[in-house]
C-alpha atoms as a PDB file:
ATOM      1  CA  MET A   1       0.000   0.000   0.000  1.00  0.00           C
ATOM      2  CA  ARG A   2       1.301   3.434  -0.927  1.00  0.00           C
ATOM      3  CA  GLU A   3       1.785   5.849   1.911  1.00  0.00           C
ATOM      4  CA  ARG A   4       2.068   9.605   1.830  1.00  0.00           C
ATOM      5  CA  ASN A   5       5.167  10.239   3.861  1.00  0.00           C
ATOM      6  CA  LYS A   6       6.508  13.461   2.314  1.00  0.00           C
ATOM      7  CA  GLN A   7       5.670  16.813   3.815  1.00  0.00           C
ATOM      8  CA  PHE A   8       5.721  20.243   2.168  1.00  0.00           C
ATOM      9  CA  SER A   9       5.052  23.572   3.832  1.00  0.00           C
ATOM     10  CA  PHE A  10       4.703  27.131   2.600  1.00  0.00           C
ATOM     11  CA  ARG A  11       3.825  30.506   4.020  1.00  0.00           C
ATOM     12  CA  LEU A  12       0.676  32.473   3.382  1.00  0.00           C
ATOM     13  CA  TYR A  13      -1.370  35.265   4.858  1.00  0.00           C
ATOM     14  CA  GLN A  14      -4.074  34.488   7.410  1.00  0.00           C
ATOM     15  CA  SER A  15      -6.694  35.747   4.936  1.00  0.00           C
ATOM     16  CA  GLU A  16      -5.414  33.281   2.315  1.00  0.00           C
ATOM     17  CA  LEU A  17      -5.528  30.420   4.803  1.00  0.00           C
ATOM     18  CA  ASN A  18      -9.087  31.370   5.772  1.00  0.00           C
ATOM     19  CA  LYS A  19     -10.166  31.314   2.106  1.00  0.00           C
ATOM     20  CA  ILE A  20      -8.484  27.958   1.495  1.00  0.00           C
ATOM     21  CA  LYS A  21     -10.104  26.450   4.588  1.00  0.00           C
ATOM     22  CA  ALA A  22     -13.538  27.762   3.554  1.00  0.00           C
ATOM     23  CA  LYS A  23     -13.190  26.386   0.017  1.00  0.00           C
ATOM     24  CA  ALA A  24     -11.971  23.009   1.276  1.00  0.00           C
ATOM     25  CA  LYS A  25     -14.934  22.796   3.648  1.00  0.00           C
ATOM     26  CA  LYS A  26     -17.388  23.596   0.825  1.00  0.00           C
ATOM     27  CA  CYS A  27     -15.860  20.714  -1.138  1.00  0.00           C
ATOM     28  CA  GLY A  28     -15.973  18.344   1.834  1.00  0.00           C
ATOM     29  CA  LEU A  29     -12.181  17.923   1.736  1.00  0.00           C
ATOM     30  CA  ALA A  30      -9.359  18.283   4.221  1.00  0.00           C
ATOM     31  CA  VAL A  31      -7.220  21.359   3.552  1.00  0.00           C
ATOM     32  CA  SER A  32      -4.242  19.249   2.475  1.00  0.00           C
ATOM     33  CA  GLU A  33      -6.392  17.196   0.105  1.00  0.00           C
ATOM     34  CA  TYR A  34      -7.964  20.342  -1.345  1.00  0.00           C
ATOM     35  CA  ILE A  35      -4.563  21.976  -1.968  1.00  0.00           C
ATOM     36  CA  ARG A  36      -3.120  18.763  -3.421  1.00  0.00           C
ATOM     37  CA  ASN A  37      -6.062  18.370  -5.828  1.00  0.00           C
ATOM     38  CA  CYS A  38      -5.847  22.013  -6.948  1.00  0.00           C
ATOM     39  CA  ALA A  39      -2.077  21.842  -7.425  1.00  0.00           C
ATOM     40  CA  LEU A  40      -2.335  18.629  -9.459  1.00  0.00           C
ATOM     41  CA  ASP A  41      -5.107  20.048 -11.705  1.00  0.00           C
ATOM     42  CA  ARG A  42      -7.651  17.541 -10.462  1.00  0.00           C
ATOM     43  CA  LYS A  43     -11.328  18.377 -10.629  1.00  0.00           C
ATOM     44  CA  VAL A  44     -12.464  20.067  -7.420  1.00  0.00           C
ATOM     45  CA  MET A  45     -16.178  20.637  -6.881  1.00  0.00           C
ATOM     46  CA  GLU A  46     -18.236  22.056  -4.089  1.00  0.00           C
ATOM     47  CA  MET A  47     -20.567  19.640  -2.366  1.00  0.00           C
ATOM     48  CA  PRO A  48     -24.135  19.933  -3.640  1.00  0.00           C
ATOM     49  CA  CYS A  49     -26.462  22.009  -1.491  1.00  0.00           C
ATOM     50  CA  GLU A  50     -28.744  20.160   0.919  1.00  0.00           C
ATOM     51  CA  GLY A  51     -31.803  20.868  -1.241  1.00  0.00           C
ATOM     52  CA  LEU A  52     -30.234  19.281  -4.304  1.00  0.00           C
ATOM     53  CA  ARG A  53     -29.066  16.218  -2.349  1.00  0.00           C
ATOM     54  CA  SER A  54     -32.482  15.862  -0.747  1.00  0.00           C
ATOM     55  CA  ALA A  55     -34.370  16.141  -4.044  1.00  0.00           C
ATOM     56  CA  TYR A  56     -32.100  13.589  -5.734  1.00  0.00           C
ATOM     57  CA  SER A  57     -32.494  11.185  -2.822  1.00  0.00           C
ATOM     58  CA  LYS A  58     -36.279  11.542  -2.659  1.00  0.00           C
ATOM     59  CA  ILE A  59     -36.583  10.874  -6.375  1.00  0.00           C
ATOM     60  CA  GLY A  60     -34.487   7.728  -5.875  1.00  0.00           C
ATOM     61  CA  ASN A  61     -36.823   6.631  -3.079  1.00  0.00           C
ATOM     62  CA  VAL A  62     -39.873   7.100  -5.313  1.00  0.00           C
ATOM     63  CA  ILE A  63     -38.169   5.120  -8.088  1.00  0.00           C
ATOM     64  CA  GLY A  64     -37.552   2.318  -5.602  1.00  0.00           C
ATOM     65  CA  GLU A  65     -41.209   2.270  -4.597  1.00  0.00           C
ATOM     66  CA  LEU A  66     -42.434   2.372  -8.202  1.00  0.00           C
ATOM     67  CA  GLN A  67     -40.321  -0.641  -9.129  1.00  0.00           C
ATOM     68  CA  ASN A  68     -42.819  -2.761  -7.172  1.00  0.00           C
ATOM     69  CA  TYR A  69     -45.449  -2.016  -9.823  1.00  0.00           C
ATOM     70  CA  SER A  70     -45.307  -3.696 -13.225  1.00  0.00           C
ATOM     71  CA  ASP A  71     -46.820  -0.784 -15.182  1.00  0.00           C
ATOM     72  CA  SER A  72     -44.569   2.010 -13.912  1.00  0.00           C
ATOM     73  CA  GLU A  73     -41.713   1.928 -16.470  1.00  0.00           C
ATOM     74  CA  LYS A  74     -42.759   5.250 -18.036  1.00  0.00           C
ATOM     75  CA  GLU A  75     -42.856   7.048 -14.679  1.00  0.00           C
ATOM     76  CA  ILE A  76     -39.517   5.534 -13.628  1.00  0.00           C
ATOM     77  CA  ALA A  77     -37.938   6.712 -16.897  1.00  0.00           C
ATOM     78  CA  ILE A  78     -39.220  10.242 -16.292  1.00  0.00           C
ATOM     79  CA  LEU A  79     -37.884  10.279 -12.743  1.00  0.00           C
ATOM     80  CA  ARG A  80     -34.491   9.000 -13.911  1.00  0.00           C
ATOM     81  CA  GLU A  81     -34.473  11.861 -16.439  1.00  0.00           C
ATOM     82  CA  VAL A  82     -35.166  14.328 -13.635  1.00  0.00           C
ATOM     83  CA  GLN A  83     -32.283  12.837 -11.632  1.00  0.00           C
ATOM     84  CA  ALA A  84     -30.025  13.260 -14.678  1.00  0.00           C
ATOM     85  CA  ILE A  85     -31.096  16.903 -14.960  1.00  0.00           C
ATOM     86  CA  LEU A  86     -30.233  17.462 -11.289  1.00  0.00           C
ATOM     87  CA  LEU A  87     -26.791  15.955 -11.881  1.00  0.00           C
ATOM     88  CA  ASP A  88     -26.290  18.152 -14.936  1.00  0.00           C
ATOM     89  CA  LEU A  89     -27.168  21.199 -12.872  1.00  0.00           C
ATOM     90  CA  TYR A  90     -24.736  20.159 -10.170  1.00  0.00           C
ATOM     91  CA  HIS A  91     -21.977  19.677 -12.738  1.00  0.00           C
ATOM     92  CA  GLY A  92     -22.626  23.147 -14.142  1.00  0.00           C
ATOM     93  CA  LYS A  93     -24.209  22.077 -17.402  1.00  0.00           C
ATOM     94  CA  GLU A  94     -26.899  24.392 -18.689  1.00  0.00           C
ATOM     95  CA  VAL A  95     -30.367  22.877 -18.856  1.00  0.00           C
ATOM     96  CA  THR A  96     -32.708  24.883 -21.059  1.00  0.00           C
ATOM     97  CA  ALA A  97     -35.821  22.677 -21.190  1.00  0.00           C
ATOM     98  CA  ILE A  98     -37.290  20.562 -18.440  1.00  0.00           C
ATOM     99  CA  GLY A  99     -40.216  18.258 -19.198  1.00  0.00           C
ATOM    100  CA  ASP A 100     -43.216  18.999 -21.369  1.00  0.00           C
ATOM    101  CA  ASN A 101     -44.459  22.034 -19.428  1.00  0.00           C
ATOM    102  CA  GLN A 102     -43.976  25.023 -21.768  1.00  0.00           C
ATOM    103  CA  ASP A 103     -43.778  27.495 -18.861  1.00  0.00           C
ATOM    104  CA  MET A 104     -40.913  25.513 -17.379  1.00  0.00           C
ATOM    105  CA  ALA A 105     -39.222  25.092 -20.765  1.00  0.00           C
ATOM    106  CA  ASP A 106     -39.090  28.866 -21.210  1.00  0.00           C
ATOM    107  CA  LYS A 107     -36.862  29.208 -18.143  1.00  0.00           C
ATOM    108  CA  VAL A 108     -33.144  28.569 -18.090  1.00  0.00           C
ATOM    109  CA  TRP A 109     -32.120  26.625 -15.010  1.00  0.00           C
ATOM    110  CA  SER A 110     -28.624  26.845 -13.598  1.00  0.00           C
ATOM    111  CA  VAL A 111     -26.838  26.390 -10.306  1.00  0.00           C
ATOM    112  CA  SER A 112     -24.655  29.462 -10.055  1.00  0.00           C
ATOM    113  CA  SER A 113     -23.624  28.775  -6.461  1.00  0.00           C
ATOM    114  CA  HIS A 114     -21.926  25.507  -7.423  1.00  0.00           C
ATOM    115  CA  LYS A 115     -18.685  26.167  -9.204  1.00  0.00           C
ATOM    116  CA  VAL A 116     -16.642  23.601 -11.061  1.00  0.00           C
ATOM    117  CA  ARG A 117     -12.871  23.781 -11.252  1.00  0.00           C
ATOM    118  CA  LYS A 118     -11.298  21.779 -14.039  1.00  0.00           C
END
């Protein structure tokens, strides 16, 4: 098993450290892991907001319940599509049309609070 046994330190201002700590926390990472991922050009993403996680989970629960019924394939497919849309929003992809509702399709949905670093 590989072991991280090398240490590297550098100096920074308290304000810089505070920003790094806040960003690492938003991503659900330790500070060292956050810095390592940024320095190695790995994808670093903020954790999804509680509302997005909750909606995705609840849709999954409904899908699980619907699988008990033999005539629910159409509804399950729609719910899986909604889950895919939520994931696209989380990953910063623009979603311009949601479902068959014309009022909803006229709106552009985005998650501006969730930033993606590539």
